[in-house]
PDB file of N, CA and C in Angstrom:
ATOM      1  N   UNK A   1       0.836  -1.197   0.000  1.00  0.00           N
ATOM      2  CA  UNK A   1       0.000   0.000   0.000  1.00  0.00           C
ATOM      3  C   UNK A   1       0.876   1.253   0.000  1.00  0.00           C
ATOM      4  N   UNK A   2       0.314   2.340  -0.489  1.00  0.00           N
ATOM      5  CA  UNK A   2       1.037   3.617  -0.549  1.00  0.00           C
ATOM      6  C   UNK A   2       1.026   4.278   0.819  1.00  0.00           C
ATOM      7  N   UNK A   3       2.082   5.019   1.105  1.00  0.00           N
ATOM      8  CA  UNK A   3       2.126   5.737   2.384  1.00  0.00           C
ATOM      9  C   UNK A   3       2.935   7.010   2.256  1.00  0.00           C
ATOM     10  N   UNK A   4       2.605   7.950   3.131  1.00  0.00           N
ATOM     11  CA  UNK A   4       3.361   9.189   3.283  1.00  0.00           C
ATOM     12  C   UNK A   4       4.001   9.140   4.668  1.00  0.00           C
ATOM     13  N   UNK A   5       5.272   9.507   4.752  1.00  0.00           N
ATOM     14  CA  UNK A   5       6.000   9.416   6.013  1.00  0.00           C
ATOM     15  C   UNK A   5       6.710  10.721   6.337  1.00  0.00           C
ATOM     16  N   UNK A   6       6.841  10.968   7.622  1.00  0.00           N
ATOM     17  CA  UNK A   6       7.647  12.081   8.130  1.00  0.00           C
ATOM     18  C   UNK A   6       8.429  11.545   9.320  1.00  0.00           C
ATOM     19  N   UNK A   7       9.735  11.821   9.347  1.00  0.00           N
ATOM     20  CA  UNK A   7      10.553  11.300  10.435  1.00  0.00           C
ATOM     21  C   UNK A   7      11.696  12.249  10.773  1.00  0.00           C
ATOM     22  N   UNK A   8      12.322  11.955  11.915  1.00  0.00           N
ATOM     23  CA  UNK A   8      13.445  12.743  12.407  1.00  0.00           C
ATOM     24  C   UNK A   8      14.503  11.775  12.925  1.00  0.00           C
ATOM     25  N   UNK A   9      15.746  11.958  12.535  1.00  0.00           N
ATOM     26  CA  UNK A   9      16.861  11.157  13.053  1.00  0.00           C
ATOM     27  C   UNK A   9      17.661  11.999  14.036  1.00  0.00           C
ATOM     28  N   UNK A  10      17.948  11.430  15.201  1.00  0.00           N
ATOM     29  CA  UNK A  10      18.749  12.117  16.213  1.00  0.00           C
ATOM     30  C   UNK A  10      19.796  11.128  16.727  1.00  0.00           C
ATOM     31  N   UNK A  11      21.044  11.583  16.819  1.00  0.00           N
ATOM     32  CA  UNK A  11      22.125  10.744  17.336  1.00  0.00           C
ATOM     33  C   UNK A  11      23.018  11.564  18.255  1.00  0.00           C
ATOM     34  N   UNK A  12      23.543  10.904  19.260  1.00  0.00           N
ATOM     35  CA  UNK A  12      24.497  11.528  20.180  1.00  0.00           C
ATOM     36  C   UNK A  12      25.690  10.589  20.315  1.00  0.00           C
ATOM     37  N   UNK A  13      26.887  11.150  20.299  1.00  0.00           N
ATOM     38  CA  UNK A  13      28.118  10.359  20.369  1.00  0.00           C
ATOM     39  C   UNK A  13      28.979  10.904  21.508  1.00  0.00           C
ATOM     40  N   UNK A  14      29.475   9.992  22.313  1.00  0.00           N
ATOM     41  CA  UNK A  14      30.327  10.385  23.438  1.00  0.00           C
ATOM     42  C   UNK A  14      31.569   9.489  23.451  1.00  0.00           C
ATOM     43  N   UNK A  15      32.738  10.090  23.472  1.00  0.00           N
ATOM     44  CA  UNK A  15      33.993   9.344  23.548  1.00  0.00           C
ATOM     45  C   UNK A  15      34.330   9.091  25.012  1.00  0.00           C
ATOM     46  N   UNK A  16      34.214   7.838  25.449  1.00  0.00           N
ATOM     47  CA  UNK A  16      34.534   7.477  26.822  1.00  0.00           C
ATOM     48  C   UNK A  16      36.048   7.506  27.050  1.00  0.00           C
ATOM     49  N   UNK A  17      36.764   7.033  26.033  1.00  0.00           N
ATOM     50  CA  UNK A  17      38.224   7.055  26.010  1.00  0.00           C
ATOM     51  C   UNK A  17      38.631   7.278  24.575  1.00  0.00           C
ATOM     52  N   UNK A  18      39.910   7.325  24.319  1.00  0.00           N
ATOM     53  CA  UNK A  18      40.382   7.557  22.959  1.00  0.00           C
ATOM     54  C   UNK A  18      39.929   6.452  21.998  1.00  0.00           C
ATOM     55  N   UNK A  19      39.788   5.217  22.504  1.00  0.00           N
ATOM     56  CA  UNK A  19      39.437   4.088  21.633  1.00  0.00           C
ATOM     57  C   UNK A  19      38.030   3.532  21.882  1.00  0.00           C
ATOM     58  N   UNK A  20      37.289   4.123  22.817  1.00  0.00           N
ATOM     59  CA  UNK A  20      35.948   3.607  23.148  1.00  0.00           C
ATOM     60  C   UNK A  20      34.925   4.725  22.973  1.00  0.00           C
ATOM     61  N   UNK A  21      33.882   4.415  22.227  1.00  0.00           N
ATOM     62  CA  UNK A  21      32.850   5.403  21.906  1.00  0.00           C
ATOM     63  C   UNK A  21      31.468   4.832  22.223  1.00  0.00           C
ATOM     64  N   UNK A  22      30.625   5.647  22.822  1.00  0.00           N
ATOM     65  CA  UNK A  22      29.240   5.288  23.110  1.00  0.00           C
ATOM     66  C   UNK A  22      28.336   6.204  22.293  1.00  0.00           C
ATOM     67  N   UNK A  23      27.387   5.629  21.602  1.00  0.00           N
ATOM     68  CA  UNK A  23      26.451   6.448  20.829  1.00  0.00           C
ATOM     69  C   UNK A  23      25.028   5.973  21.064  1.00  0.00           C
ATOM     70  N   UNK A  24      24.121   6.906  20.974  1.00  0.00           N
ATOM     71  CA  UNK A  24      22.708   6.608  21.099  1.00  0.00           C
ATOM     72  C   UNK A  24      21.972   7.228  19.930  1.00  0.00           C
ATOM     73  N   UNK A  25      20.852   6.633  19.563  1.00  0.00           N
ATOM     74  CA  UNK A  25      20.102   7.148  18.419  1.00  0.00           C
ATOM     75  C   UNK A  25      18.615   6.914  18.623  1.00  0.00           C
ATOM     76  N   UNK A  26      17.831   7.752  17.964  1.00  0.00           N
ATOM     77  CA  UNK A  26      16.382   7.589  17.969  1.00  0.00           C
ATOM     78  C   UNK A  26      15.837   8.074  16.631  1.00  0.00           C
ATOM     79  N   UNK A  27      14.723   7.469  16.233  1.00  0.00           N
ATOM     80  CA  UNK A  27      14.089   7.836  14.967  1.00  0.00           C
ATOM     81  C   UNK A  27      12.571   7.695  15.121  1.00  0.00           C
ATOM     82  N   UNK A  28      11.891   8.761  15.513  1.00  0.00           N
ATOM     83  CA  UNK A  28      10.427   8.733  15.510  1.00  0.00           C
ATOM     84  C   UNK A  28       9.916   8.978  14.087  1.00  0.00           C
ATOM     85  N   UNK A  29       8.879   8.242  13.717  1.00  0.00           N
ATOM     86  CA  UNK A  29       8.336   8.369  12.360  1.00  0.00           C
ATOM     87  C   UNK A  29       6.813   8.239  12.386  1.00  0.00           C
ATOM     88  N   UNK A  30       6.144   9.129  11.677  1.00  0.00           N
ATOM     89  CA  UNK A  30       4.698   9.048  11.480  1.00  0.00           C
ATOM     90  C   UNK A  30       4.452   8.552  10.063  1.00  0.00           C
ATOM     91  N   UNK A  31       3.541   7.590   9.916  1.00  0.00           N
ATOM     92  CA  UNK A  31       3.231   7.027   8.605  1.00  0.00           C
ATOM     93  C   UNK A  31       1.713   7.052   8.390  1.00  0.00           C
ATOM     94  N   UNK A  32       1.305   7.601   7.267  1.00  0.00           N
ATOM     95  CA  UNK A  32      -0.108   7.597   6.879  1.00  0.00           C
ATOM     96  C   UNK A  32      -0.245   6.747   5.620  1.00  0.00           C
ATOM     97  N   UNK A  33      -1.059   5.713   5.708  1.00  0.00           N
ATOM     98  CA  UNK A  33      -1.266   4.807   4.572  1.00  0.00           C
ATOM     99  C   UNK A  33      -2.480   5.277   3.785  1.00  0.00           C
ATOM    100  N   UNK A  34      -2.275   5.494   2.498  1.00  0.00           N
ATOM    101  CA  UNK A  34      -3.350   6.047   1.662  1.00  0.00           C
ATOM    102  C   UNK A  34      -4.239   4.976   1.040  1.00  0.00           C
ATOM    103  N   UNK A  35      -3.724   3.751   0.873  1.00  0.00           N
ATOM    104  CA  UNK A  35      -4.516   2.688   0.245  1.00  0.00           C
ATOM    105  C   UNK A  35      -4.330   1.354   0.967  1.00  0.00           C
ATOM    106  N   UNK A  36      -4.434   1.340   2.274  1.00  0.00           N
ATOM    107  CA  UNK A  36      -4.269   0.098   3.017  1.00  0.00           C
ATOM    108  C   UNK A  36      -5.503  -0.772   2.834  1.00  0.00           C
ATOM    109  N   UNK A  37      -5.332  -2.064   2.548  1.00  0.00           N
ATOM    110  CA  UNK A  37      -6.480  -2.951   2.347  1.00  0.00           C
ATOM    111  C   UNK A  37      -7.389  -3.065   3.574  1.00  0.00           C
ATOM    112  N   UNK A  38      -6.843  -2.774   4.754  1.00  0.00           N
ATOM    113  CA  UNK A  38      -7.644  -2.871   5.973  1.00  0.00           C
ATOM    114  C   UNK A  38      -8.393  -1.581   6.293  1.00  0.00           C
ATOM    115  N   UNK A  39      -8.271  -0.574   5.453  1.00  0.00           N
ATOM    116  CA  UNK A  39      -8.965   0.694   5.674  1.00  0.00           C
ATOM    117  C   UNK A  39      -8.005   1.793   6.088  1.00  0.00           C
ATOM    118  N   UNK A  40      -8.542   2.859   6.662  1.00  0.00           N
ATOM    119  CA  UNK A  40      -7.738   4.003   7.084  1.00  0.00           C
ATOM    120  C   UNK A  40      -6.718   3.562   8.135  1.00  0.00           C
ATOM    121  N   UNK A  41      -5.468   3.926   7.926  1.00  0.00           N
ATOM    122  CA  UNK A  41      -4.409   3.475   8.834  1.00  0.00           C
ATOM    123  C   UNK A  41      -3.351   4.552   9.005  1.00  0.00           C
ATOM    124  N   UNK A  42      -2.986   4.804  10.267  1.00  0.00           N
ATOM    125  CA  UNK A  42      -1.871   5.661  10.637  1.00  0.00           C
ATOM    126  C   UNK A  42      -1.002   4.890  11.619  1.00  0.00           C
ATOM    127  N   UNK A  43       0.309   4.993  11.464  1.00  0.00           N
ATOM    128  CA  UNK A  43       1.248   4.321  12.363  1.00  0.00           C
ATOM    129  C   UNK A  43       2.215   5.343  12.943  1.00  0.00           C
ATOM    130  N   UNK A  44       2.633   5.097  14.176  1.00  0.00           N
ATOM    131  CA  UNK A  44       3.748   5.819  14.770  1.00  0.00           C
ATOM    132  C   UNK A  44       4.825   4.780  15.020  1.00  0.00           C
ATOM    133  N   UNK A  45       5.968   4.922  14.387  1.00  0.00           N
ATOM    134  CA  UNK A  45       7.059   3.976  14.473  1.00  0.00           C
ATOM    135  C   UNK A  45       8.200   4.640  15.242  1.00  0.00           C
ATOM    136  N   UNK A  46       8.685   3.972  16.286  1.00  0.00           N
ATOM    137  CA  UNK A  46       9.751   4.533  17.116  1.00  0.00           C
ATOM    138  C   UNK A  46      10.920   3.563  17.171  1.00  0.00           C
ATOM    139  N   UNK A  47      12.094   4.045  16.805  1.00  0.00           N
ATOM    140  CA  UNK A  47      13.327   3.268  16.907  1.00  0.00           C
ATOM    141  C   UNK A  47      14.264   3.983  17.878  1.00  0.00           C
ATOM    142  N   UNK A  48      14.787   3.248  18.858  1.00  0.00           N
ATOM    143  CA  UNK A  48      15.788   3.785  19.788  1.00  0.00           C
ATOM    144  C   UNK A  48      16.869   2.731  19.978  1.00  0.00           C
ATOM    145  N   UNK A  49      18.090   3.184  20.203  1.00  0.00           N
ATOM    146  CA  UNK A  49      19.154   2.213  20.395  1.00  0.00           C
ATOM    147  C   UNK A  49      20.434   2.843  20.872  1.00  0.00           C
ATOM    148  N   UNK A  50      21.398   1.961  21.123  1.00  0.00           N
ATOM    149  CA  UNK A  50      22.709   2.410  21.587  1.00  0.00           C
ATOM    150  C   UNK A  50      23.774   1.474  21.028  1.00  0.00           C
ATOM    151  N   UNK A  51      24.973   2.034  20.855  1.00  0.00           N
ATOM    152  CA  UNK A  51      26.109   1.274  20.344  1.00  0.00           C
ATOM    153  C   UNK A  51      27.347   1.601  21.161  1.00  0.00           C
ATOM    154  N   UNK A  52      28.099   0.576  21.510  1.00  0.00           N
ATOM    155  CA  UNK A  52      29.389   0.727  22.170  1.00  0.00           C
ATOM    156  C   UNK A  52      30.447   0.213  21.193  1.00  0.00           C
ATOM    157  N   UNK A  53      31.415   1.066  20.857  1.00  0.00           N
ATOM    158  CA  UNK A  53      32.421   0.728  19.859  1.00  0.00           C
ATOM    159  C   UNK A  53      33.821   0.819  20.449  1.00  0.00           C
ATOM    160  N   UNK A  54      34.616  -0.188  20.157  1.00  0.00           N
ATOM    161  CA  UNK A  54      36.032  -0.199  20.531  1.00  0.00           C
ATOM    162  C   UNK A  54      36.836  -0.188  19.243  1.00  0.00           C
ATOM    163  N   UNK A  55      37.713   0.801  19.099  1.00  0.00           N
ATOM    164  CA  UNK A  55      38.551   0.948  17.915  1.00  0.00           C
ATOM    165  C   UNK A  55      40.012   0.931  18.368  1.00  0.00           C
ATOM    166  N   UNK A  56      40.640  -0.249  18.408  1.00  0.00           N
ATOM    167  CA  UNK A  56      42.015  -0.328  18.907  1.00  0.00           C
ATOM    168  C   UNK A  56      43.034   0.337  17.986  1.00  0.00           C
ATOM    169  N   UNK A  57      42.711   0.421  16.681  1.00  0.00           N
ATOM    170  CA  UNK A  57      43.569   1.143  15.743  1.00  0.00           C
ATOM    171  C   UNK A  57      42.695   1.620  14.585  1.00  0.00           C
ATOM    172  N   UNK A  58      43.297   2.340  13.651  1.00  0.00           N
ATOM    173  CA  UNK A  58      42.504   2.950  12.571  1.00  0.00           C
ATOM    174  C   UNK A  58      41.959   1.940  11.566  1.00  0.00           C
ATOM    175  N   UNK A  59      42.380   0.678  11.661  1.00  0.00           N
ATOM    176  CA  UNK A  59      41.947  -0.323  10.685  1.00  0.00           C
ATOM    177  C   UNK A  59      40.953  -1.346  11.234  1.00  0.00           C
ATOM    178  N   UNK A  60      40.630  -1.287  12.508  1.00  0.00           N
ATOM    179  CA  UNK A  60      39.794  -2.313  13.127  1.00  0.00           C
ATOM    180  C   UNK A  60      38.824  -1.695  14.129  1.00  0.00           C
ATOM    181  N   UNK A  61      37.578  -2.188  14.106  1.00  0.00           N
ATOM    182  CA  UNK A  61      36.579  -1.741  15.085  1.00  0.00           C
ATOM    183  C   UNK A  61      35.690  -2.922  15.456  1.00  0.00           C
ATOM    184  N   UNK A  62      35.321  -2.991  16.719  1.00  0.00           N
ATOM    185  CA  UNK A  62      34.395  -3.998  17.228  1.00  0.00           C
ATOM    186  C   UNK A  62      33.288  -3.247  17.955  1.00  0.00           C
ATOM    187  N   UNK A  63      32.049  -3.566  17.631  1.00  0.00           N
ATOM    188  CA  UNK A  63      30.925  -2.835  18.223  1.00  0.00           C
ATOM    189  C   UNK A  63      29.833  -3.794  18.672  1.00  0.00           C
ATOM    190  N   UNK A  64      29.122  -3.391  19.703  1.00  0.00           N
ATOM    191  CA  UNK A  64      27.920  -4.084  20.162  1.00  0.00           C
ATOM    192  C   UNK A  64      26.803  -3.059  20.144  1.00  0.00           C
ATOM    193  N   UNK A  65      25.686  -3.438  19.554  1.00  0.00           N
ATOM    194  CA  UNK A  65      24.572  -2.507  19.455  1.00  0.00           C
ATOM    195  C   UNK A  65      23.277  -3.212  19.818  1.00  0.00           C
ATOM    196  N   UNK A  66      22.339  -2.449  20.289  1.00  0.00           N
ATOM    197  CA  UNK A  66      20.999  -2.967  20.576  1.00  0.00           C
ATOM    198  C   UNK A  66      19.998  -1.884  20.202  1.00  0.00           C
ATOM    199  N   UNK A  67      18.910  -2.311  19.589  1.00  0.00           N
ATOM    200  CA  UNK A  67      17.880  -1.342  19.231  1.00  0.00           C
ATOM    201  C   UNK A  67      16.494  -1.917  19.488  1.00  0.00           C
ATOM    202  N   UNK A  68      15.571  -1.015  19.741  1.00  0.00           N
ATOM    203  CA  UNK A  68      14.159  -1.356  19.934  1.00  0.00           C
ATOM    204  C   UNK A  68      13.364  -0.640  18.852  1.00  0.00           C
ATOM    205  N   UNK A  69      12.478  -1.363  18.223  1.00  0.00           N
ATOM    206  CA  UNK A  69      11.549  -0.779  17.253  1.00  0.00           C
ATOM    207  C   UNK A  69      10.137  -1.098  17.720  1.00  0.00           C
ATOM    208  N   UNK A  70       9.347  -0.060  17.875  1.00  0.00           N
ATOM    209  CA  UNK A  70       7.940  -0.225  18.234  1.00  0.00           C
ATOM    210  C   UNK A  70       7.074   0.410  17.173  1.00  0.00           C
ATOM    211  N   UNK A  71       6.098  -0.328  16.691  1.00  0.00           N
ATOM    212  CA  UNK A  71       5.165   0.225  15.706  1.00  0.00           C
ATOM    213  C   UNK A  71       3.789   0.273  16.373  1.00  0.00           C
ATOM    214  N   UNK A  72       3.253   1.461  16.501  1.00  0.00           N
ATOM    215  CA  UNK A  72       1.970   1.683  17.156  1.00  0.00           C
ATOM    216  C   UNK A  72       0.988   2.114  16.073  1.00  0.00           C
ATOM    217  N   UNK A  73       0.007   1.251  15.777  1.00  0.00           N
ATOM    218  CA  UNK A  73      -0.852   1.442  14.622  1.00  0.00           C
ATOM    219  C   UNK A  73      -2.307   1.639  15.027  1.00  0.00           C
ATOM    220  N   UNK A  74      -3.051   2.376  14.199  1.00  0.00           N
ATOM    221  CA  UNK A  74      -4.496   2.497  14.411  1.00  0.00           C
ATOM    222  C   UNK A  74      -5.211   1.205  14.026  1.00  0.00           C
ATOM    223  N   UNK A  75      -4.507   0.306  13.324  1.00  0.00           N
ATOM    224  CA  UNK A  75      -5.018  -1.034  13.023  1.00  0.00           C
ATOM    225  C   UNK A  75      -4.266  -1.984  13.951  1.00  0.00           C
ATOM    226  N   UNK A  76      -4.959  -2.505  14.960  1.00  0.00           N
ATOM    227  CA  UNK A  76      -4.329  -3.262  16.040  1.00  0.00           C
ATOM    228  C   UNK A  76      -3.432  -4.400  15.602  1.00  0.00           C
ATOM    229  N   UNK A  77      -3.808  -5.125  14.558  1.00  0.00           N
ATOM    230  CA  UNK A  77      -2.994  -6.264  14.141  1.00  0.00           C
ATOM    231  C   UNK A  77      -1.673  -5.859  13.482  1.00  0.00           C
ATOM    232  N   UNK A  78      -1.493  -4.586  13.203  1.00  0.00           N
ATOM    233  CA  UNK A  78      -0.243  -4.079  12.616  1.00  0.00           C
ATOM    234  C   UNK A  78       0.736  -3.568  13.675  1.00  0.00           C
ATOM    235  N   UNK A  79       0.369  -3.673  14.970  1.00  0.00           N
ATOM    236  CA  UNK A  79       1.245  -3.220  16.045  1.00  0.00           C
ATOM    237  C   UNK A  79       2.272  -4.302  16.354  1.00  0.00           C
ATOM    238  N   UNK A  80       3.541  -3.894  16.581  1.00  0.00           N
ATOM    239  CA  UNK A  80       4.571  -4.862  16.943  1.00  0.00           C
ATOM    240  C   UNK A  80       5.689  -4.193  17.722  1.00  0.00           C
ATOM    241  N   UNK A  81       6.482  -5.033  18.403  1.00  0.00           N
ATOM    242  CA  UNK A  81       7.686  -4.632  19.119  1.00  0.00           C
ATOM    243  C   UNK A  81       8.805  -5.556  18.673  1.00  0.00           C
ATOM    244  N   UNK A  82       9.987  -4.991  18.475  1.00  0.00           N
ATOM    245  CA  UNK A  82      11.128  -5.772  18.011  1.00  0.00           C
ATOM    246  C   UNK A  82      12.382  -5.259  18.708  1.00  0.00           C
ATOM    247  N   UNK A  83      13.170  -6.178  19.255  1.00  0.00           N
ATOM    248  CA  UNK A  83      14.458  -5.841  19.861  1.00  0.00           C
ATOM    249  C   UNK A  83      15.530  -6.581  19.079  1.00  0.00           C
ATOM    250  N   UNK A  84      16.566  -5.856  18.639  1.00  0.00           N
ATOM    251  CA  UNK A  84      17.612  -6.469  17.833  1.00  0.00           C
ATOM    252  C   UNK A  84      18.993  -6.165  18.406  1.00  0.00           C
ATOM    253  N   UNK A  85      19.654  -7.164  18.995  1.00  0.00           N
ATOM    254  CA  UNK A  85      21.045  -6.997  19.393  1.00  0.00           C
ATOM    255  C   UNK A  85      21.953  -7.378  18.228  1.00  0.00           C
ATOM    256  N   UNK A  86      23.136  -6.769  18.143  1.00  0.00           N
ATOM    257  CA  UNK A  86      24.077  -7.069  17.060  1.00  0.00           C
ATOM    258  C   UNK A  86      25.507  -6.935  17.553  1.00  0.00           C
ATOM    259  N   UNK A  87      26.371  -7.744  16.981  1.00  0.00           N
ATOM    260  CA  UNK A  87      27.822  -7.592  17.153  1.00  0.00           C
ATOM    261  C   UNK A  87      28.381  -7.283  15.780  1.00  0.00           C
ATOM    262  N   UNK A  88      29.281  -6.308  15.713  1.00  0.00           N
ATOM    263  CA  UNK A  88      29.806  -5.846  14.434  1.00  0.00           C
ATOM    264  C   UNK A  88      31.331  -5.860  14.498  1.00  0.00           C
ATOM    265  N   UNK A  89      31.933  -6.457  13.483  1.00  0.00           N
ATOM    266  CA  UNK A  89      33.380  -6.422  13.317  1.00  0.00           C
ATOM    267  C   UNK A  89      33.658  -5.720  12.010  1.00  0.00           C
ATOM    268  N   UNK A  90      34.410  -4.633  12.053  1.00  0.00           N
ATOM    269  CA  UNK A  90      34.727  -3.874  10.850  1.00  0.00           C
ATOM    270  C   UNK A  90      36.239  -3.786  10.697  1.00  0.00           C
ATOM    271  N   UNK A  91      36.686  -4.025   9.480  1.00  0.00           N
ATOM    272  CA  UNK A  91      38.118  -3.937   9.199  1.00  0.00           C
ATOM    273  C   UNK A  91      38.333  -3.204   7.892  1.00  0.00           C
ATOM    274  N   UNK A  92      39.390  -2.434   7.833  1.00  0.00           N
ATOM    275  CA  UNK A  92      39.760  -1.723   6.627  1.00  0.00           C
ATOM    276  C   UNK A  92      41.082  -2.283   6.136  1.00  0.00           C
ATOM    277  N   UNK A  93      41.100  -2.644   4.867  1.00  0.00           N
ATOM    278  CA  UNK A  93      42.317  -3.194   4.273  1.00  0.00           C
ATOM    279  C   UNK A  93      42.848  -2.174   3.276  1.00  0.00           C
ATOM    280  N   UNK A  94      44.097  -1.802   3.434  1.00  0.00           N
ATOM    281  CA  UNK A  94      44.714  -0.827   2.532  1.00  0.00           C
ATOM    282  C   UNK A  94      45.785  -1.509   1.696  1.00  0.00           C
ATOM    283  N   UNK A  95      45.862  -1.099   0.442  1.00  0.00           N
ATOM    284  CA  UNK A  95      46.868  -1.669  -0.463  1.00  0.00           C
ATOM    285  C   UNK A  95      47.933  -0.621  -0.736  1.00  0.00           C
TER     286      UNK A  95
END
């Protein structure tokens, strides 16, 4: 179905130490569905989360993140909650 959305992204980053960083983020979003098969529908979708990153050198990073997504809908069966933890390993290879 078609929808119109409006949202805002907000992030905050704090360096605990030279190699350790804590960040938090949120993304509130309003969604209006114009042709939903179940009828008139509006959703409020909220994402919040945090990430802890360790960067021992400029070529390697290890991060742990967790986020919550909540969808609050005027159509009850479209409401849900989701929690997603993640571990991230990032490496940069230079030639």
